[in-house]
Amino acid sequence: MIDIAPPRPRRRSENITPMINVVFLLLIFFLMSATLVTPTPVPLSAPQAPEAPRADPAPVLHLGAGGDVAFGQARGAAAYDALIAALQDGETPMIRADRNLPGAALADALAALAARGTPRAMVAIETGRAP
């Protein structure tokens, strides 16, 4: 007697088409979002100059971490008035605030300047890496 067993069921292979689609979509995304930098045609090294202090572009209002306001010798609300008096026509004042100054105090200083007729101001920031 010959025993004929039914054929073994074939194991279905995994469909990898969705994975390939995702890989190509990621590839296209990274290619489209990448910034290409063109190399310089000849090797260059940037010129260097001695470090020189930069002049402030406008009168500077200083804000301390505790909310202290100063302009020159003037302190408090008088500092705002002294700053407004020192501005030239169309000049935008600079604000140098301590990094620990609460944002609400900076907003109050900007509102005080706006109330005195200065609709905008520049806020000085430190560039470079964060500590």
C-alpha atoms as a PDB file:
ATOM      1  CA  MET A   1       0.000   0.000   0.000  1.00  0.00           C
ATOM      2  CA  ILE A   2       1.254   3.376  -0.961  1.00  0.00           C
ATOM      3  CA  ASP A   3       0.631   6.137   1.490  1.00  0.00           C
ATOM      4  CA  ILE A   4       0.228   9.445  -0.286  1.00  0.00           C
ATOM      5  CA  ALA A   5       0.320  12.345   2.134  1.00  0.00           C
ATOM      6  CA  PRO A   6      -1.397  15.574   1.228  1.00  0.00           C
ATOM      7  CA  PRO A   7       1.019  18.238   0.078  1.00  0.00           C
ATOM      8  CA  ARG A   8       2.435  20.387   2.812  1.00  0.00           C
ATOM      9  CA  PRO A   9       1.025  23.881   2.849  1.00  0.00           C
ATOM     10  CA  ARG A  10       3.544  26.365   1.582  1.00  0.00           C
ATOM     11  CA  ARG A  11       4.681  28.994   3.983  1.00  0.00           C
ATOM     12  CA  ARG A  12       3.657  32.389   2.707  1.00  0.00           C
ATOM     13  CA  SER A  13       6.537  34.821   2.384  1.00  0.00           C
ATOM     14  CA  GLU A  14       6.241  38.221   3.985  1.00  0.00           C
ATOM     15  CA  ASN A  15       5.157  41.033   1.716  1.00  0.00           C
ATOM     16  CA  ILE A  16       7.899  43.680   1.892  1.00  0.00           C
ATOM     17  CA  THR A  17       6.325  46.098  -0.589  1.00  0.00           C
ATOM     18  CA  PRO A  18       5.030  48.463   2.138  1.00  0.00           C
ATOM     19  CA  MET A  19       8.483  48.595   3.737  1.00  0.00           C
ATOM     20  CA  ILE A  20      10.085  49.421   0.389  1.00  0.00           C
ATOM     21  CA  ASN A  21       7.507  52.165  -0.139  1.00  0.00           C
ATOM     22  CA  VAL A  22       8.342  53.703   3.231  1.00  0.00           C
ATOM     23  CA  VAL A  23      12.075  53.541   2.539  1.00  0.00           C
ATOM     24  CA  PHE A  24      11.654  55.319  -0.785  1.00  0.00           C
ATOM     25  CA  LEU A  25       9.396  57.955   0.774  1.00  0.00           C
ATOM     26  CA  LEU A  26      12.005  58.616   3.458  1.00  0.00           C
ATOM     27  CA  LEU A  27      14.721  58.791   0.840  1.00  0.00           C
ATOM     28  CA  ILE A  28      12.736  61.326  -1.186  1.00  0.00           C
ATOM     29  CA  PHE A  29      11.949  63.334   1.963  1.00  0.00           C
ATOM     30  CA  PHE A  30      15.608  63.569   2.971  1.00  0.00           C
ATOM     31  CA  LEU A  31      16.697  64.437  -0.553  1.00  0.00           C
ATOM     32  CA  MET A  32      14.102  67.205  -0.802  1.00  0.00           C
ATOM     33  CA  SER A  33      14.804  68.678   2.643  1.00  0.00           C
ATOM     34  CA  ALA A  34      18.599  68.570   2.416  1.00  0.00           C
ATOM     35  CA  THR A  35      20.550  71.730   1.780  1.00  0.00           C
ATOM     36  CA  LEU A  36      23.250  71.334  -0.796  1.00  0.00           C
ATOM     37  CA  VAL A  37      26.344  73.471  -0.393  1.00  0.00           C
ATOM     38  CA  THR A  38      28.411  74.183  -3.443  1.00  0.00           C
ATOM     39  CA  PRO A  39      32.124  73.891  -2.767  1.00  0.00           C
ATOM     40  CA  THR A  40      34.368  76.865  -3.390  1.00  0.00           C
ATOM     41  CA  PRO A  41      36.270  76.581  -6.658  1.00  0.00           C
ATOM     42  CA  VAL A  42      39.579  77.229  -4.891  1.00  0.00           C
ATOM     43  CA  PRO A  43      40.612  76.664  -1.255  1.00  0.00           C
ATOM     44  CA  LEU A  44      39.932  79.774   0.818  1.00  0.00           C
ATOM     45  CA  SER A  45      40.661  80.890   4.338  1.00  0.00           C
ATOM     46  CA  ALA A  46      38.677  83.813   5.674  1.00  0.00           C
ATOM     47  CA  PRO A  47      40.579  86.992   6.546  1.00  0.00           C
ATOM     48  CA  GLN A  48      40.908  87.812  10.224  1.00  0.00           C
ATOM     49  CA  ALA A  49      40.786  91.140  11.975  1.00  0.00           C
ATOM     50  CA  PRO A  50      41.604  92.053  15.532  1.00  0.00           C
ATOM     51  CA  GLU A  51      38.630  91.943  17.874  1.00  0.00           C
ATOM     52  CA  ALA A  52      37.177  95.419  18.123  1.00  0.00           C
ATOM     53  CA  PRO A  53      34.297  96.554  20.259  1.00  0.00           C
ATOM     54  CA  ARG A  54      31.214  97.186  18.195  1.00  0.00           C
ATOM     55  CA  ALA A  55      29.400 100.449  18.646  1.00  0.00           C
ATOM     56  CA  ASP A  56      25.773 100.157  19.642  1.00  0.00           C
ATOM     57  CA  PRO A  57      23.511 101.143  16.749  1.00  0.00           C
ATOM     58  CA  ALA A  58      21.183 103.103  19.006  1.00  0.00           C
ATOM     59  CA  PRO A  59      20.698 104.177  22.613  1.00  0.00           C
ATOM     60  CA  VAL A  60      20.567 101.119  24.885  1.00  0.00           C
ATOM     61  CA  LEU A  61      18.065 100.479  27.661  1.00  0.00           C
ATOM     62  CA  HIS A  62      19.369  97.986  30.224  1.00  0.00           C
ATOM     63  CA  LEU A  63      17.056  95.591  32.077  1.00  0.00           C
ATOM     64  CA  GLY A  64      18.460  93.690  35.060  1.00  0.00           C
ATOM     65  CA  ALA A  65      17.409  90.231  36.205  1.00  0.00           C
ATOM     66  CA  GLY A  66      15.378  91.721  39.055  1.00  0.00           C
ATOM     67  CA  GLY A  67      13.488  94.074  36.744  1.00  0.00           C
ATOM     68  CA  ASP A  68      15.826  97.056  37.287  1.00  0.00           C
ATOM     69  CA  VAL A  69      15.639  99.537  34.395  1.00  0.00           C
ATOM     70  CA  ALA A  70      18.561 101.821  33.540  1.00  0.00           C
ATOM     71  CA  PHE A  71      19.563 104.230  30.800  1.00  0.00           C
ATOM     72  CA  GLY A  72      22.770 106.110  31.405  1.00  0.00           C
ATOM     73  CA  GLN A  73      22.410 107.618  34.914  1.00  0.00           C
ATOM     74  CA  ALA A  74      18.592 107.404  34.898  1.00  0.00           C
ATOM     75  CA  ARG A  75      16.859 104.562  36.734  1.00  0.00           C
ATOM     76  CA  GLY A  76      13.292 103.269  36.843  1.00  0.00           C
ATOM     77  CA  ALA A  77      10.563 105.135  34.925  1.00  0.00           C
ATOM     78  CA  ALA A  78      12.939 108.077  34.361  1.00  0.00           C
ATOM     79  CA  ALA A  79      15.113 105.736  32.270  1.00  0.00           C
ATOM     80  CA  TYR A  80      12.321 105.354  29.723  1.00  0.00           C
ATOM     81  CA  ASP A  81      11.910 109.132  29.438  1.00  0.00           C
ATOM     82  CA  ALA A  82      15.685 109.648  29.124  1.00  0.00           C
ATOM     83  CA  LEU A  83      15.847 107.005  26.397  1.00  0.00           C
ATOM     84  CA  ILE A  84      13.017 108.629  24.433  1.00  0.00           C
ATOM     85  CA  ALA A  85      14.770 112.007  24.731  1.00  0.00           C
ATOM     86  CA  ALA A  86      18.039 110.505  23.417  1.00  0.00           C
ATOM     87  CA  LEU A  87      16.471 108.937  20.317  1.00  0.00           C
ATOM     88  CA  GLN A  88      17.042 110.594  16.960  1.00  0.00           C
ATOM     89  CA  ASP A  89      14.229 110.825  14.391  1.00  0.00           C
ATOM     90  CA  GLY A  90      13.186 107.329  13.323  1.00  0.00           C
ATOM     91  CA  GLU A  91      15.830 105.641  15.469  1.00  0.00           C
ATOM     92  CA  THR A  92      14.982 102.297  17.068  1.00  0.00           C
ATOM     93  CA  PRO A  93      16.206 101.772  20.638  1.00  0.00           C
ATOM     94  CA  MET A  94      18.142  98.698  21.729  1.00  0.00           C
ATOM     95  CA  ILE A  95      17.169  96.693  24.821  1.00  0.00           C
ATOM     96  CA  ARG A  96      19.813  94.634  26.611  1.00  0.00           C
ATOM     97  CA  ALA A  97      18.074  92.341  29.053  1.00  0.00           C
ATOM     98  CA  ASP A  98      19.509  89.848  31.494  1.00  0.00           C
ATOM     99  CA  ARG A  99      18.889  86.247  30.420  1.00  0.00           C
ATOM    100  CA  ASN A 100      17.150  85.572  33.750  1.00  0.00           C
ATOM    101  CA  LEU A 101      14.688  88.448  33.307  1.00  0.00           C
ATOM    102  CA  PRO A 102      11.128  87.103  33.204  1.00  0.00           C
ATOM    103  CA  GLY A 103       9.406  87.492  29.860  1.00  0.00           C
ATOM    104  CA  ALA A 104       6.597  89.480  31.494  1.00  0.00           C
ATOM    105  CA  ALA A 105       9.112  92.124  32.623  1.00  0.00           C
ATOM    106  CA  LEU A 106      10.442  92.437  29.070  1.00  0.00           C
ATOM    107  CA  ALA A 107       6.876  92.755  27.783  1.00  0.00           C
ATOM    108  CA  ASP A 108       6.235  95.496  30.386  1.00  0.00           C
ATOM    109  CA  ALA A 109       9.334  97.380  29.195  1.00  0.00           C
ATOM    110  CA  LEU A 110       8.194  97.154  25.576  1.00  0.00           C
ATOM    111  CA  ALA A 111       4.726  98.373  26.597  1.00  0.00           C
ATOM    112  CA  ALA A 112       6.277 101.293  28.498  1.00  0.00           C
ATOM    113  CA  LEU A 113       8.257 102.273  25.395  1.00  0.00           C
ATOM    114  CA  ALA A 114       5.166 101.962  23.200  1.00  0.00           C
ATOM    115  CA  ALA A 115       3.193 104.155  25.604  1.00  0.00           C
ATOM    116  CA  ARG A 116       5.888 106.820  25.219  1.00  0.00           C
ATOM    117  CA  GLY A 117       5.678 106.770  21.426  1.00  0.00           C
ATOM    118  CA  THR A 118       8.278 104.184  20.427  1.00  0.00           C
ATOM    119  CA  PRO A 119       6.348 101.426  18.632  1.00  0.00           C
ATOM    120  CA  ARG A 120       9.318  99.079  18.187  1.00  0.00           C
ATOM    121  CA  ALA A 121      12.640  98.191  19.765  1.00  0.00           C
ATOM    122  CA  MET A 122      15.511  95.829  19.113  1.00  0.00           C
ATOM    123  CA  VAL A 123      16.339  93.230  21.763  1.00  0.00           C
ATOM    124  CA  ALA A 124      19.996  92.218  21.938  1.00  0.00           C
ATOM    125  CA  ILE A 125      20.664  88.498  22.074  1.00  0.00           C
ATOM    126  CA  GLU A 126      23.778  86.433  22.542  1.00  0.00           C
ATOM    127  CA  THR A 127      24.704  84.233  19.629  1.00  0.00           C
ATOM    128  CA  GLY A 128      26.583  80.994  19.828  1.00  0.00           C
ATOM    129  CA  ARG A 129      26.103  77.733  21.636  1.00  0.00           C
ATOM    130  CA  ALA A 130      23.905  77.434  24.655  1.00  0.00           C
ATOM    131  CA  PRO A 131      25.761  76.420  27.823  1.00  0.00           C
END
